[in-house]
Each structure stands twice: as structure tokens, then as C-alpha cells.
Amino acid sequence: MPQTFKIQLKSCPRCHGDRFPEQDGQSWELVCLQCGYRQTISFVSALRVVHPVAEAELAGVGHREVPTAA
């Protein structure tokens, strides 16, 4: 399955350019398309950028629905 990600428009702190996530070994970075500025981001932040559905899944971490007896 192809990997999808969000391009963050006008989010570069240096030039206000557009940034995209890039995996560098075990870490993730946001890389500016215009100036090349790189910012290392945490794994959880990377999940939110690379896989938007994961954000909803992370919100439920540690919470589990318990089926009720009918």
C-alpha cells in the first residue's frame, strides 16, 4: 500500500515554506521544500503527519471498550 502523508503548508519557521515528512533511519524529520530546513519530530508527531487516521487511534490509546453482558 502506498504511504500517504500531509504536506504542511507555510509551516517552515525559517522561510514560511511548505514542509513534508521524511524518515531518516529510525527518526522522522519535517523538511522544507523551499529552503531545505530540517526539523526532527517525535514518533507520535510523525504518525499524525504521515498517517492521519493514526491520530484518531492515538486518542484512544489506553482506553478499551468493554462489552456489556446482555
N, C-alpha and C. Protein backbone atom coordinates (compact mmCIF):
# COMPACT_ATOMS: atom_id res chain seq x y z
N MET A 1 0.85 -1.17 0.00
CA MET A 1 0.00 0.00 0.00
C MET A 1 0.90 1.24 0.00
N PRO A 2 0.60 2.22 -0.85
CA PRO A 2 1.43 3.43 -0.87
C PRO A 2 1.25 4.24 0.41
N GLN A 3 2.34 4.86 0.81
CA GLN A 3 2.32 5.66 2.03
C GLN A 3 1.78 7.05 1.71
N THR A 4 0.86 7.52 2.54
CA THR A 4 0.32 8.86 2.35
C THR A 4 0.81 9.76 3.48
N PHE A 5 0.90 11.03 3.21
CA PHE A 5 1.32 11.98 4.23
C PHE A 5 0.75 13.35 3.92
N LYS A 6 0.75 14.17 4.93
CA LYS A 6 0.26 15.54 4.79
C LYS A 6 1.44 16.47 4.54
N ILE A 7 1.30 17.34 3.55
CA ILE A 7 2.26 18.42 3.38
C ILE A 7 1.76 19.57 4.25
N GLN A 8 2.61 20.07 5.09
CA GLN A 8 2.23 21.17 5.98
C GLN A 8 2.55 22.48 5.28
N LEU A 9 1.50 23.16 4.85
CA LEU A 9 1.66 24.39 4.09
C LEU A 9 2.10 25.55 4.97
N LYS A 10 3.07 26.30 4.48
CA LYS A 10 3.56 27.52 5.12
C LYS A 10 3.93 27.32 6.60
N SER A 11 4.56 26.18 6.91
CA SER A 11 4.87 25.88 8.31
C SER A 11 6.36 25.97 8.64
N CYS A 12 7.20 26.29 7.67
CA CYS A 12 8.64 26.38 7.93
C CYS A 12 8.94 27.60 8.79
N PRO A 13 9.65 27.41 9.92
CA PRO A 13 9.95 28.56 10.79
C PRO A 13 10.98 29.51 10.18
N ARG A 14 11.73 29.05 9.18
CA ARG A 14 12.77 29.88 8.59
C ARG A 14 12.27 30.71 7.41
N CYS A 15 11.53 30.08 6.47
CA CYS A 15 11.13 30.80 5.25
C CYS A 15 9.61 30.79 5.03
N HIS A 16 8.87 30.16 5.92
CA HIS A 16 7.41 30.02 5.80
C HIS A 16 7.02 29.22 4.57
N GLY A 17 7.89 28.29 4.18
CA GLY A 17 7.61 27.41 3.05
C GLY A 17 6.82 26.18 3.49
N ASP A 18 6.60 25.27 2.55
CA ASP A 18 5.83 24.06 2.79
C ASP A 18 6.77 22.92 3.21
N ARG A 19 6.34 22.13 4.20
CA ARG A 19 7.18 21.04 4.70
C ARG A 19 6.49 19.70 4.51
N PHE A 20 7.30 18.66 4.35
CA PHE A 20 6.80 17.29 4.22
C PHE A 20 7.62 16.39 5.14
N PRO A 21 7.04 15.28 5.61
CA PRO A 21 7.77 14.36 6.49
C PRO A 21 8.70 13.45 5.69
N GLU A 22 9.84 13.14 6.28
CA GLU A 22 10.80 12.24 5.67
C GLU A 22 11.42 11.38 6.76
N GLN A 23 11.49 10.06 6.52
CA GLN A 23 12.08 9.17 7.51
C GLN A 23 13.57 9.03 7.23
N ASP A 24 14.37 9.21 8.28
CA ASP A 24 15.82 9.11 8.18
C ASP A 24 16.26 8.03 9.16
N GLY A 25 16.31 6.80 8.71
CA GLY A 25 16.65 5.70 9.61
C GLY A 25 15.53 5.47 10.61
N GLN A 26 15.81 5.69 11.88
CA GLN A 26 14.82 5.48 12.93
C GLN A 26 14.06 6.75 13.30
N SER A 27 14.50 7.90 12.80
CA SER A 27 13.86 9.16 13.18
C SER A 27 13.09 9.75 12.00
N TRP A 28 12.22 10.69 12.32
CA TRP A 28 11.43 11.41 11.31
C TRP A 28 11.82 12.87 11.35
N GLU A 29 11.79 13.50 10.17
CA GLU A 29 12.07 14.92 10.07
C GLU A 29 11.02 15.58 9.19
N LEU A 30 10.74 16.84 9.47
CA LEU A 30 9.94 17.66 8.56
C LEU A 30 10.94 18.46 7.74
N VAL A 31 10.84 18.36 6.41
CA VAL A 31 11.80 19.00 5.51
C VAL A 31 11.07 20.05 4.68
N CYS A 32 11.62 21.24 4.64
CA CYS A 32 11.03 22.33 3.85
C CYS A 32 11.34 22.13 2.37
N LEU A 33 10.32 22.24 1.54
CA LEU A 33 10.51 22.10 0.09
C LEU A 33 11.27 23.28 -0.51
N GLN A 34 11.12 24.46 0.08
CA GLN A 34 11.72 25.65 -0.49
C GLN A 34 13.18 25.86 -0.06
N CYS A 35 13.46 25.80 1.25
CA CYS A 35 14.81 26.14 1.73
C CYS A 35 15.61 24.95 2.25
N GLY A 36 14.96 23.78 2.43
CA GLY A 36 15.67 22.60 2.89
C GLY A 36 15.83 22.48 4.40
N TYR A 37 15.24 23.40 5.17
CA TYR A 37 15.32 23.35 6.63
C TYR A 37 14.78 22.01 7.13
N ARG A 38 15.47 21.40 8.09
CA ARG A 38 15.07 20.10 8.64
C ARG A 38 14.80 20.23 10.12
N GLN A 39 13.73 19.60 10.57
CA GLN A 39 13.38 19.60 11.99
C GLN A 39 13.00 18.18 12.38
N THR A 40 13.71 17.61 13.36
CA THR A 40 13.40 16.27 13.85
C THR A 40 12.11 16.32 14.66
N ILE A 41 11.23 15.35 14.41
CA ILE A 41 9.96 15.30 15.13
C ILE A 41 9.84 13.95 15.84
N SER A 42 8.99 13.91 16.85
CA SER A 42 8.80 12.68 17.62
C SER A 42 8.01 11.66 16.81
N PHE A 43 8.04 10.42 17.25
CA PHE A 43 7.33 9.34 16.58
C PHE A 43 5.83 9.62 16.54
N VAL A 44 5.27 10.10 17.64
CA VAL A 44 3.83 10.38 17.70
C VAL A 44 3.47 11.49 16.73
N SER A 45 4.28 12.55 16.67
CA SER A 45 4.04 13.62 15.71
C SER A 45 4.13 13.11 14.29
N ALA A 46 5.09 12.22 14.05
CA ALA A 46 5.25 11.66 12.70
C ALA A 46 4.01 10.86 12.31
N LEU A 47 3.46 10.10 13.24
CA LEU A 47 2.24 9.35 12.93
C LEU A 47 1.11 10.28 12.52
N ARG A 48 1.00 11.40 13.19
CA ARG A 48 -0.07 12.34 12.87
C ARG A 48 0.11 12.95 11.48
N VAL A 49 1.36 13.14 11.07
CA VAL A 49 1.64 13.74 9.77
C VAL A 49 1.58 12.69 8.66
N VAL A 50 2.17 11.53 8.90
CA VAL A 50 2.26 10.51 7.86
C VAL A 50 0.96 9.76 7.68
N HIS A 51 0.29 9.46 8.77
CA HIS A 51 -0.93 8.66 8.69
C HIS A 51 -2.01 9.34 9.52
N PRO A 52 -2.82 10.22 8.91
CA PRO A 52 -3.81 10.99 9.67
C PRO A 52 -4.79 10.14 10.48
N VAL A 53 -5.10 8.93 10.02
CA VAL A 53 -6.03 8.07 10.76
C VAL A 53 -5.43 7.67 12.09
N ALA A 54 -4.11 7.58 12.16
CA ALA A 54 -3.44 7.18 13.39
C ALA A 54 -3.71 8.16 14.52
N GLU A 55 -3.95 9.43 14.19
CA GLU A 55 -4.23 10.42 15.22
C GLU A 55 -5.48 10.03 16.01
N ALA A 56 -6.50 9.57 15.31
CA ALA A 56 -7.73 9.14 15.99
C ALA A 56 -7.47 7.89 16.83
N GLU A 57 -6.63 7.01 16.32
CA GLU A 57 -6.30 5.80 17.06
C GLU A 57 -5.49 6.14 18.30
N LEU A 58 -4.59 7.12 18.21
CA LEU A 58 -3.77 7.51 19.36
C LEU A 58 -4.62 8.13 20.46
N ALA A 59 -5.70 8.79 20.08
CA ALA A 59 -6.57 9.41 21.07
C ALA A 59 -7.19 8.35 21.98
N GLY A 60 -7.33 7.14 21.47
CA GLY A 60 -7.94 6.07 22.25
C GLY A 60 -6.93 5.15 22.91
N VAL A 61 -5.65 5.48 22.89
CA VAL A 61 -4.62 4.64 23.49
C VAL A 61 -4.90 4.52 24.99
N GLY A 62 -4.90 3.28 25.45
CA GLY A 62 -5.13 3.04 26.87
C GLY A 62 -6.61 2.94 27.24
N HIS A 63 -7.47 3.19 26.27
CA HIS A 63 -8.90 3.09 26.52
C HIS A 63 -9.44 1.95 25.67
N ARG A 64 -10.20 1.09 26.30
CA ARG A 64 -10.74 -0.04 25.59
C ARG A 64 -12.21 -0.19 25.94
N GLU A 65 -13.01 -0.45 24.91
CA GLU A 65 -14.43 -0.67 25.18
C GLU A 65 -14.59 -2.06 25.76
N VAL A 66 -15.34 -2.15 26.82
CA VAL A 66 -15.60 -3.42 27.47
C VAL A 66 -17.02 -3.83 27.12
N PRO A 67 -17.18 -5.00 26.51
CA PRO A 67 -18.53 -5.43 26.14
C PRO A 67 -19.37 -5.66 27.41
N THR A 68 -20.60 -5.26 27.33
CA THR A 68 -21.50 -5.47 28.47
C THR A 68 -22.31 -6.74 28.28
N ALA A 69 -22.63 -7.39 29.37
CA ALA A 69 -23.43 -8.61 29.30
C ALA A 69 -24.88 -8.25 29.00
N ALA A 70 -25.46 -8.96 28.07
CA ALA A 70 -26.85 -8.66 27.68
C ALA A 70 -27.85 -9.39 28.53
